Amino acid sequence: MIIDVLQRQQYLRQIWEKLAKMGKTTPDVIFVFGFRTHFGGGKTTGFGTIHDSLDNVKENEPKHRLAKHSLYKKKKTSRKQ
């Protein structure tokens, strides 16, 4: 779904909570990403996905978005020298 945010300084957690109320679900299965501010700064547009369950989230979302929600831990490896 495409999300338009008209208010400045609206944080992602607030957007998750509003989408959770609209979708009648919990914020942990909602992912928003790709926000771009329009020229002049009055409007921001981004993308969002609402999943059915956490299992569905872990199957379909990429690892970098899962890490943002603390659902995936990236392995630390030593640098090659």
PDB file of N, CA and C in Angstrom:
ATOM      1  N   MET A   1       0.836  -1.157   0.000  1.00  0.00           N
ATOM      2  CA  MET A   1       0.000   0.000   0.000  1.00  0.00           C
ATOM      3  C   MET A   1       0.887   1.227   0.000  1.00  0.00           C
ATOM      4  N   ILE A   2       0.407   2.302  -0.572  1.00  0.00           N
ATOM      5  CA  ILE A   2       1.145   3.556  -0.618  1.00  0.00           C
ATOM      6  C   ILE A   2       0.637   4.441   0.508  1.00  0.00           C
ATOM      7  N   ILE A   3       1.562   5.061   1.240  1.00  0.00           N
ATOM      8  CA  ILE A   3       1.228   5.869   2.404  1.00  0.00           C
ATOM      9  C   ILE A   3       1.643   7.307   2.136  1.00  0.00           C
ATOM     10  N   ASP A   4       0.720   8.244   2.314  1.00  0.00           N
ATOM     11  CA  ASP A   4       1.019   9.671   2.222  1.00  0.00           C
ATOM     12  C   ASP A   4       0.944  10.269   3.613  1.00  0.00           C
ATOM     13  N   VAL A   5       2.016  10.939   4.025  1.00  0.00           N
ATOM     14  CA  VAL A   5       2.071  11.589   5.331  1.00  0.00           C
ATOM     15  C   VAL A   5       2.112  13.089   5.076  1.00  0.00           C
ATOM     16  N   LEU A   6       1.106  13.805   5.578  1.00  0.00           N
ATOM     17  CA  LEU A   6       1.028  15.243   5.352  1.00  0.00           C
ATOM     18  C   LEU A   6       1.633  16.048   6.490  1.00  0.00           C
ATOM     19  N   GLN A   7       1.806  15.453   7.638  1.00  0.00           N
ATOM     20  CA  GLN A   7       2.339  16.160   8.796  1.00  0.00           C
ATOM     21  C   GLN A   7       3.841  15.939   8.879  1.00  0.00           C
ATOM     22  N   ARG A   8       4.581  16.992   9.113  1.00  0.00           N
ATOM     23  CA  ARG A   8       6.032  16.860   9.260  1.00  0.00           C
ATOM     24  C   ARG A   8       6.365  16.248  10.600  1.00  0.00           C
ATOM     25  N   GLN A   9       7.519  15.641  10.685  1.00  0.00           N
ATOM     26  CA  GLN A   9       8.053  15.066  11.922  1.00  0.00           C
ATOM     27  C   GLN A   9       7.173  13.962  12.496  1.00  0.00           C
ATOM     28  N   GLN A  10       6.499  13.214  11.645  1.00  0.00           N
ATOM     29  CA  GLN A  10       5.737  12.075  12.139  1.00  0.00           C
ATOM     30  C   GLN A  10       6.658  10.859  12.079  1.00  0.00           C
ATOM     31  N   TYR A  11       6.858  10.232  13.215  1.00  0.00           N
ATOM     32  CA  TYR A  11       7.833   9.170  13.322  1.00  0.00           C
ATOM     33  C   TYR A  11       7.238   7.834  12.896  1.00  0.00           C
ATOM     34  N   LEU A  12       8.110   6.887  12.540  1.00  0.00           N
ATOM     35  CA  LEU A  12       7.657   5.593  12.036  1.00  0.00           C
ATOM     36  C   LEU A  12       6.812   4.844  13.054  1.00  0.00           C
ATOM     37  N   ARG A  13       7.138   4.950  14.318  1.00  0.00           N
ATOM     38  CA  ARG A  13       6.360   4.244  15.339  1.00  0.00           C
ATOM     39  C   ARG A  13       4.915   4.750  15.366  1.00  0.00           C
ATOM     40  N   GLN A  14       4.717   6.052  15.176  1.00  0.00           N
ATOM     41  CA  GLN A  14       3.368   6.604  15.116  1.00  0.00           C
ATOM     42  C   GLN A  14       2.630   6.100  13.882  1.00  0.00           C
ATOM     43  N   ILE A  15       3.346   5.983  12.775  1.00  0.00           N
ATOM     44  CA  ILE A  15       2.731   5.477  11.548  1.00  0.00           C
ATOM     45  C   ILE A  15       2.348   4.015  11.728  1.00  0.00           C
ATOM     46  N   TRP A  16       3.213   3.205  12.383  1.00  0.00           N
ATOM     47  CA  TRP A  16       2.888   1.797  12.648  1.00  0.00           C
ATOM     48  C   TRP A  16       1.619   1.684  13.473  1.00  0.00           C
ATOM     49  N   GLU A  17       1.504   2.522  14.503  1.00  0.00           N
ATOM     50  CA  GLU A  17       0.339   2.450  15.386  1.00  0.00           C
ATOM     51  C   GLU A  17      -0.943   2.834  14.658  1.00  0.00           C
ATOM     52  N   LYS A  18      -0.888   3.865  13.809  1.00  0.00           N
ATOM     53  CA  LYS A  18      -2.079   4.266  13.059  1.00  0.00           C
ATOM     54  C   LYS A  18      -2.484   3.197  12.052  1.00  0.00           C
ATOM     55  N   LEU A  19      -1.505   2.594  11.371  1.00  0.00           N
ATOM     56  CA  LEU A  19      -1.825   1.527  10.424  1.00  0.00           C
ATOM     57  C   LEU A  19      -2.345   0.287  11.139  1.00  0.00           C
ATOM     58  N   ALA A  20      -1.865   0.032  12.351  1.00  0.00           N
ATOM     59  CA  ALA A  20      -2.350  -1.109  13.127  1.00  0.00           C
ATOM     60  C   ALA A  20      -3.819  -0.924  13.492  1.00  0.00           C
ATOM     61  N   LYS A  21      -4.204   0.297  13.835  1.00  0.00           N
ATOM     62  CA  LYS A  21      -5.613   0.564  14.128  1.00  0.00           C
ATOM     63  C   LYS A  21      -6.469   0.398  12.882  1.00  0.00           C
ATOM     64  N   MET A  22      -5.961   0.884  11.737  1.00  0.00           N
ATOM     65  CA  MET A  22      -6.720   0.772  10.493  1.00  0.00           C
ATOM     66  C   MET A  22      -6.847  -0.676  10.050  1.00  0.00           C
ATOM     67  N   GLY A  23      -5.779  -1.460  10.207  1.00  0.00           N
ATOM     68  CA  GLY A  23      -5.782  -2.844   9.767  1.00  0.00           C
ATOM     69  C   GLY A  23      -6.242  -3.831  10.817  1.00  0.00           C
ATOM     70  N   LYS A  24      -6.569  -3.340  12.021  1.00  0.00           N
ATOM     71  CA  LYS A  24      -7.029  -4.176  13.137  1.00  0.00           C
ATOM     72  C   LYS A  24      -6.033  -5.293  13.437  1.00  0.00           C
ATOM     73  N   THR A  25      -4.774  -4.908  13.604  1.00  0.00           N
ATOM     74  CA  THR A  25      -3.700  -5.856  13.876  1.00  0.00           C
ATOM     75  C   THR A  25      -2.701  -5.203  14.835  1.00  0.00           C
ATOM     76  N   THR A  26      -1.584  -5.862  15.068  1.00  0.00           N
ATOM     77  CA  THR A  26      -0.560  -5.324  15.953  1.00  0.00           C
ATOM     78  C   THR A  26       0.547  -4.658  15.130  1.00  0.00           C
ATOM     79  N   PRO A  27       1.275  -3.694  15.704  1.00  0.00           N
ATOM     80  CA  PRO A  27       2.316  -2.991  14.947  1.00  0.00           C
ATOM     81  C   PRO A  27       3.520  -3.856  14.564  1.00  0.00           C
ATOM     82  N   ASP A  28       3.701  -5.017  15.181  1.00  0.00           N
ATOM     83  CA  ASP A  28       4.886  -5.819  14.867  1.00  0.00           C
ATOM     84  C   ASP A  28       4.794  -6.528  13.520  1.00  0.00           C
ATOM     85  N   VAL A  29       3.635  -6.567  12.873  1.00  0.00           N
ATOM     86  CA  VAL A  29       3.508  -7.199  11.560  1.00  0.00           C
ATOM     87  C   VAL A  29       3.369  -6.156  10.449  1.00  0.00           C
ATOM     88  N   ILE A  30       3.637  -4.891  10.768  1.00  0.00           N
ATOM     89  CA  ILE A  30       3.538  -3.804   9.795  1.00  0.00           C
ATOM     90  C   ILE A  30       4.941  -3.306   9.472  1.00  0.00           C
ATOM     91  N   PHE A  31       5.232  -3.186   8.190  1.00  0.00           N
ATOM     92  CA  PHE A  31       6.529  -2.698   7.732  1.00  0.00           C
ATOM     93  C   PHE A  31       6.304  -1.519   6.802  1.00  0.00           C
ATOM     94  N   VAL A  32       6.942  -0.384   7.101  1.00  0.00           N
ATOM     95  CA  VAL A  32       6.889   0.798   6.248  1.00  0.00           C
ATOM     96  C   VAL A  32       8.318   1.134   5.820  1.00  0.00           C
ATOM     97  N   PHE A  33       8.464   1.568   4.577  1.00  0.00           N
ATOM     98  CA  PHE A  33       9.799   1.815   4.036  1.00  0.00           C
ATOM     99  C   PHE A  33       9.694   2.699   2.803  1.00  0.00           C
ATOM    100  N   GLY A  34      10.827   3.210   2.360  1.00  0.00           N
ATOM    101  CA  GLY A  34      10.922   3.947   1.098  1.00  0.00           C
ATOM    102  C   GLY A  34      10.283   5.320   1.117  1.00  0.00           C
ATOM    103  N   PHE A  35      10.350   6.036   2.219  1.00  0.00           N
ATOM    104  CA  PHE A  35       9.723   7.350   2.291  1.00  0.00           C
ATOM    105  C   PHE A  35      10.562   8.392   1.561  1.00  0.00           C
ATOM    106  N   ARG A  36       9.890   9.211   0.747  1.00  0.00           N
ATOM    107  CA  ARG A  36      10.527  10.300   0.008  1.00  0.00           C
ATOM    108  C   ARG A  36       9.748  11.582   0.277  1.00  0.00           C
ATOM    109  N   THR A  37      10.460  12.644   0.599  1.00  0.00           N
ATOM    110  CA  THR A  37       9.834  13.935   0.844  1.00  0.00           C
ATOM    111  C   THR A  37       9.687  14.667  -0.481  1.00  0.00           C
ATOM    112  N   HIS A  38       8.496  15.204  -0.740  1.00  0.00           N
ATOM    113  CA  HIS A  38       8.255  15.972  -1.953  1.00  0.00           C
ATOM    114  C   HIS A  38       8.900  17.347  -1.825  1.00  0.00           C
ATOM    115  N   PHE A  39       9.102  17.986  -2.939  1.00  0.00           N
ATOM    116  CA  PHE A  39       9.742  19.299  -2.947  1.00  0.00           C
ATOM    117  C   PHE A  39       8.898  20.276  -2.140  1.00  0.00           C
ATOM    118  N   GLY A  40       9.521  20.976  -1.226  1.00  0.00           N
ATOM    119  CA  GLY A  40       8.821  21.910  -0.358  1.00  0.00           C
ATOM    120  C   GLY A  40       8.570  21.335   1.020  1.00  0.00           C
ATOM    121  N   GLY A  41       8.626  20.029   1.167  1.00  0.00           N
ATOM    122  CA  GLY A  41       8.549  19.393   2.470  1.00  0.00           C
ATOM    123  C   GLY A  41       7.168  19.246   3.070  1.00  0.00           C
ATOM    124  N   GLY A  42       6.095  19.489   2.337  1.00  0.00           N
ATOM    125  CA  GLY A  42       4.770  19.393   2.927  1.00  0.00           C
ATOM    126  C   GLY A  42       4.182  18.002   2.915  1.00  0.00           C
ATOM    127  N   LYS A  43       4.721  17.132   2.083  1.00  0.00           N
ATOM    128  CA  LYS A  43       4.138  15.806   1.924  1.00  0.00           C
ATOM    129  C   LYS A  43       5.252  14.781   1.772  1.00  0.00           C
ATOM    130  N   THR A  44       5.061  13.629   2.395  1.00  0.00           N
ATOM    131  CA  THR A  44       6.006  12.525   2.295  1.00  0.00           C
ATOM    132  C   THR A  44       5.243  11.289   1.856  1.00  0.00           C
ATOM    133  N   THR A  45       5.801  10.542   0.904  1.00  0.00           N
ATOM    134  CA  THR A  45       5.156   9.344   0.383  1.00  0.00           C
ATOM    135  C   THR A  45       6.073   8.151   0.590  1.00  0.00           C
ATOM    136  N   GLY A  46       5.483   7.027   1.009  1.00  0.00           N
ATOM    137  CA  GLY A  46       6.256   5.808   1.222  1.00  0.00           C
ATOM    138  C   GLY A  46       5.398   4.583   0.982  1.00  0.00           C
ATOM    139  N   PHE A  47       5.972   3.426   1.227  1.00  0.00           N
ATOM    140  CA  PHE A  47       5.290   2.156   1.031  1.00  0.00           C
ATOM    141  C   PHE A  47       5.104   1.461   2.364  1.00  0.00           C
ATOM    142  N   GLY A  48       4.101   0.603   2.436  1.00  0.00           N
ATOM    143  CA  GLY A  48       3.867  -0.160   3.651  1.00  0.00           C
ATOM    144  C   GLY A  48       3.272  -1.515   3.334  1.00  0.00           C
ATOM    145  N   THR A  49       3.578  -2.490   4.177  1.00  0.00           N
ATOM    146  CA  THR A  49       2.993  -3.820   4.044  1.00  0.00           C
ATOM    147  C   THR A  49       2.442  -4.252   5.393  1.00  0.00           C
ATOM    148  N   ILE A  50       1.290  -4.929   5.356  1.00  0.00           N
ATOM    149  CA  ILE A  50       0.681  -5.484   6.556  1.00  0.00           C
ATOM    150  C   ILE A  50       0.593  -6.987   6.349  1.00  0.00           C
ATOM    151  N   HIS A  51       1.199  -7.752   7.244  1.00  0.00           N
ATOM    152  CA  HIS A  51       1.229  -9.207   7.132  1.00  0.00           C
ATOM    153  C   HIS A  51       0.234  -9.837   8.101  1.00  0.00           C
ATOM    154  N   ASP A  52      -0.072 -11.111   7.864  1.00  0.00           N
ATOM    155  CA  ASP A  52      -1.030 -11.826   8.704  1.00  0.00           C
ATOM    156  C   ASP A  52      -0.429 -12.255  10.030  1.00  0.00           C
ATOM    157  N   SER A  53       0.810 -12.737  10.009  1.00  0.00           N
ATOM    158  CA  SER A  53       1.432 -13.244  11.234  1.00  0.00           C
ATOM    159  C   SER A  53       2.942 -13.022  11.169  1.00  0.00           C
ATOM    160  N   LEU A  54       3.612 -13.260  12.297  1.00  0.00           N
ATOM    161  CA  LEU A  54       5.071 -13.116  12.328  1.00  0.00           C
ATOM    162  C   LEU A  54       5.759 -14.167  11.468  1.00  0.00           C
ATOM    163  N   ASP A  55       5.169 -15.356  11.352  1.00  0.00           N
ATOM    164  CA  ASP A  55       5.748 -16.381  10.477  1.00  0.00           C
ATOM    165  C   ASP A  55       5.738 -15.913   9.029  1.00  0.00           C
ATOM    166  N   ASN A  56       4.658 -15.287   8.627  1.00  0.00           N
ATOM    167  CA  ASN A  56       4.553 -14.752   7.275  1.00  0.00           C
ATOM    168  C   ASN A  56       5.561 -13.626   7.062  1.00  0.00           C
ATOM    169  N   VAL A  57       5.788 -12.825   8.088  1.00  0.00           N
ATOM    170  CA  VAL A  57       6.768 -11.737   8.015  1.00  0.00           C
ATOM    171  C   VAL A  57       8.162 -12.300   7.782  1.00  0.00           C
ATOM    172  N   LYS A  58       8.534 -13.316   8.554  1.00  0.00           N
ATOM    173  CA  LYS A  58       9.885 -13.882   8.454  1.00  0.00           C
ATOM    174  C   LYS A  58      10.129 -14.560   7.118  1.00  0.00           C
ATOM    175  N   GLU A  59       9.074 -15.039   6.460  1.00  0.00           N
ATOM    176  CA  GLU A  59       9.227 -15.671   5.150  1.00  0.00           C
ATOM    177  C   GLU A  59       9.359 -14.644   4.028  1.00  0.00           C
ATOM    178  N   ASN A  60       8.638 -13.529   4.117  1.00  0.00           N
ATOM    179  CA  ASN A  60       8.502 -12.634   2.974  1.00  0.00           C
ATOM    180  C   ASN A  60       9.339 -11.364   3.018  1.00  0.00           C
ATOM    181  N   GLU A  61       9.714 -10.897   4.184  1.00  0.00           N
ATOM    182  CA  GLU A  61      10.463  -9.645   4.270  1.00  0.00           C
ATOM    183  C   GLU A  61      11.966  -9.908   4.181  1.00  0.00           C
ATOM    184  N   PRO A  62      12.721  -8.985   3.557  1.00  0.00           N
ATOM    185  CA  PRO A  62      14.175  -9.144   3.507  1.00  0.00           C
ATOM    186  C   PRO A  62      14.804  -8.958   4.889  1.00  0.00           C
ATOM    187  N   LYS A  63      16.012  -9.453   5.031  1.00  0.00           N
ATOM    188  CA  LYS A  63      16.671  -9.486   6.336  1.00  0.00           C
ATOM    189  C   LYS A  63      16.964  -8.099   6.895  1.00  0.00           C
ATOM    190  N   HIS A  64      17.242  -7.122   6.045  1.00  0.00           N
ATOM    191  CA  HIS A  64      17.547  -5.793   6.573  1.00  0.00           C
ATOM    192  C   HIS A  64      16.313  -5.135   7.192  1.00  0.00           C
ATOM    193  N   ARG A  65      15.124  -5.434   6.686  1.00  0.00           N
ATOM    194  CA  ARG A  65      13.905  -4.909   7.318  1.00  0.00           C
ATOM    195  C   ARG A  65      13.577  -5.666   8.593  1.00  0.00           C
ATOM    196  N   LEU A  66      13.871  -6.970   8.628  1.00  0.00           N
ATOM    197  CA  LEU A  66      13.670  -7.741   9.856  1.00  0.00           C
ATOM    198  C   LEU A  66      14.605  -7.248  10.955  1.00  0.00           C
ATOM    199  N   ALA A  67      15.830  -6.891  10.594  1.00  0.00           N
ATOM    200  CA  ALA A  67      16.783  -6.384  11.580  1.00  0.00           C
ATOM    201  C   ALA A  67      16.320  -5.048  12.154  1.00  0.00           C
ATOM    202  N   LYS A  68      15.651  -4.249  11.358  1.00  0.00           N
ATOM    203  CA  LYS A  68      15.131  -2.969  11.832  1.00  0.00           C
ATOM    204  C   LYS A  68      14.059  -3.160  12.904  1.00  0.00           C
ATOM    205  N   HIS A  69      13.322  -4.266  12.813  1.00  0.00           N
ATOM    206  CA  HIS A  69      12.284  -4.598  13.800  1.00  0.00           C
ATOM    207  C   HIS A  69      12.805  -5.526  14.896  1.00  0.00           C
ATOM    208  N   SER A  70      14.095  -5.780  14.918  1.00  0.00           N
ATOM    209  CA  SER A  70      14.743  -6.672  15.902  1.00  0.00           C
ATOM    210  C   SER A  70      14.241  -8.106  15.803  1.00  0.00           C
ATOM    211  N   LEU A  71      13.948  -8.559  14.586  1.00  0.00           N
ATOM    212  CA  LEU A  71      13.516  -9.938  14.362  1.00  0.00           C
ATOM    213  C   LEU A  71      14.624 -10.789  13.753  1.00  0.00           C
ATOM    214  N   TYR A  72      15.741 -10.162  13.404  1.00  0.00           N
ATOM    215  CA  TYR A  72      16.867 -10.874  12.797  1.00  0.00           C
ATOM    216  C   TYR A  72      18.147 -10.254  13.325  1.00  0.00           C
ATOM    217  N   LYS A  73      19.095 -11.096  13.661  1.00  0.00           N
ATOM    218  CA  LYS A  73      20.387 -10.617  14.132  1.00  0.00           C
ATOM    219  C   LYS A  73      21.450 -10.947  13.094  1.00  0.00           C
ATOM    220  N   LYS A  74      22.138  -9.928  12.629  1.00  0.00           N
ATOM    221  CA  LYS A  74      23.172 -10.113  11.630  1.00  0.00           C
ATOM    222  C   LYS A  74      24.416 -10.691  12.287  1.00  0.00           C
ATOM    223  N   LYS A  75      25.015 -11.667  11.629  1.00  0.00           N
ATOM    224  CA  LYS A  75      26.224 -12.296  12.157  1.00  0.00           C
ATOM    225  C   LYS A  75      27.412 -11.360  11.980  1.00  0.00           C
ATOM    226  N   LYS A  76      28.212 -11.233  13.019  1.00  0.00           N
ATOM    227  CA  LYS A  76      29.426 -10.424  12.955  1.00  0.00           C
ATOM    228  C   LYS A  76      30.577 -11.329  12.547  1.00  0.00           C
ATOM    229  N   THR A  77      31.209 -11.012  11.442  1.00  0.00           N
ATOM    230  CA  THR A  77      32.361 -11.775  10.982  1.00  0.00           C
ATOM    231  C   THR A  77      33.582 -10.866  10.985  1.00  0.00           C
ATOM    232  N   SER A  78      34.731 -11.469  11.053  1.00  0.00           N
ATOM    233  CA  SER A  78      35.955 -10.680  11.027  1.00  0.00           C
ATOM    234  C   SER A  78      36.234 -10.214   9.601  1.00  0.00           C
ATOM    235  N   ARG A  79      36.903  -9.102   9.504  1.00  0.00           N
ATOM    236  CA  ARG A  79      37.235  -8.569   8.193  1.00  0.00           C
ATOM    237  C   ARG A  79      38.413  -9.322   7.602  1.00  0.00           C
ATOM    238  N   LYS A  80      38.369  -9.489   6.323  1.00  0.00           N
ATOM    239  CA  LYS A  80      39.465 -10.154   5.628  1.00  0.00           C
ATOM    240  C   LYS A  80      40.590  -9.144   5.420  1.00  0.00           C
ATOM    241  N   GLN A  81      41.815  -9.540   5.767  1.00  0.00           N
ATOM    242  CA  GLN A  81      42.934  -8.615   5.611  1.00  0.00           C
ATOM    243  C   GLN A  81      43.982  -9.162   4.683  1.00  0.00           C
TER     244      GLN A  81
END
